[in-house]
Amino acid sequence: MEIVQITCTDTSKIVNADVLRKTDKLLEVVVTESKTKLRLFKHTPHEKFYVGKMAGLEFTSTGESII
């Protein structure tokens, strides 16, 4: 399974997440530590970061595999 890093921009915490689905504009993951499902989006395929929000916090990822 592909693993990516997710960064919480509000707390600067970085966690690993298992990729469930990845497209040019969508990155759907499950955070390894908490089993929380998170959806991150790009407005255009050319943007560098996927961005998502949950529980009032913002999360980002490049979507690049670390393993």
Protein backbone atom coordinates (compact mmCIF):
# COMPACT_ATOMS: atom_id res chain seq x y z
CA MET A 1 0.00 0.00 0.00
CA GLU A 2 1.21 3.50 -0.80
CA ILE A 3 2.03 5.78 2.16
CA VAL A 4 2.21 9.59 2.08
CA GLN A 5 2.92 12.28 4.65
CA ILE A 6 0.16 14.62 5.80
CA THR A 7 0.97 17.94 7.51
CA CYS A 8 -1.41 19.82 9.79
CA THR A 9 -0.68 23.45 8.94
CA ASP A 10 -2.22 24.65 12.22
CA THR A 11 -0.01 22.53 14.51
CA SER A 12 2.91 21.67 12.16
CA LYS A 13 2.45 17.99 13.06
CA ILE A 14 3.42 15.51 10.33
CA VAL A 15 1.87 12.03 10.19
CA ASN A 16 1.89 9.09 7.78
CA ALA A 17 -1.26 8.03 5.98
CA ASP A 18 -2.28 5.08 3.79
CA VAL A 19 -3.59 6.11 0.36
CA LEU A 20 -7.07 4.83 -0.45
CA ARG A 21 -7.52 6.72 -3.71
CA LYS A 22 -5.41 9.20 -5.65
CA THR A 23 -6.26 11.21 -8.77
CA ASP A 24 -4.99 14.47 -10.30
CA LYS A 25 -7.33 16.44 -8.01
CA LEU A 26 -8.17 14.08 -5.09
CA LEU A 27 -6.12 12.37 -2.39
CA GLU A 28 -8.14 10.16 -0.04
CA VAL A 29 -6.16 8.71 2.87
CA VAL A 30 -6.46 7.05 6.28
CA VAL A 31 -4.16 8.49 8.94
CA THR A 32 -2.10 5.59 10.31
CA GLU A 33 -2.11 6.69 13.97
CA SER A 34 -5.81 7.47 14.36
CA LYS A 35 -7.53 5.54 11.54
CA THR A 36 -9.16 8.82 10.52
CA LYS A 37 -10.24 9.13 6.89
CA LEU A 38 -9.26 12.41 5.23
CA ARG A 39 -9.95 13.85 1.78
CA LEU A 40 -7.61 16.44 0.29
CA PHE A 41 -8.12 18.27 -3.00
CA LYS A 42 -6.30 20.28 -5.65
CA HIS A 43 -8.18 22.96 -7.60
CA THR A 44 -6.07 22.18 -10.67
CA PRO A 45 -3.81 19.19 -11.42
CA HIS A 46 -0.83 21.57 -11.68
CA GLU A 47 -0.93 22.69 -8.03
CA LYS A 48 1.83 21.30 -5.82
CA PHE A 49 -0.25 20.51 -2.70
CA TYR A 50 -3.47 18.70 -1.94
CA VAL A 51 -5.41 20.61 0.77
CA GLY A 52 -8.18 19.42 3.08
CA LYS A 53 -9.98 20.50 6.24
CA MET A 54 -11.33 18.51 9.15
CA ALA A 55 -12.38 19.47 12.69
CA GLY A 56 -11.41 23.10 12.06
CA LEU A 57 -7.84 22.17 11.07
CA GLU A 58 -6.15 22.40 7.66
CA PHE A 59 -4.07 19.55 6.24
CA THR A 60 -1.73 19.43 3.25
CA SER A 61 0.21 16.82 1.31
CA THR A 62 2.25 16.67 -1.86
CA GLY A 63 0.83 13.20 -2.46
CA GLU A 64 4.31 11.80 -3.07
CA SER A 65 4.86 8.27 -1.82
CA ILE A 66 7.36 7.85 1.03
CA ILE A 67 7.44 4.05 0.77
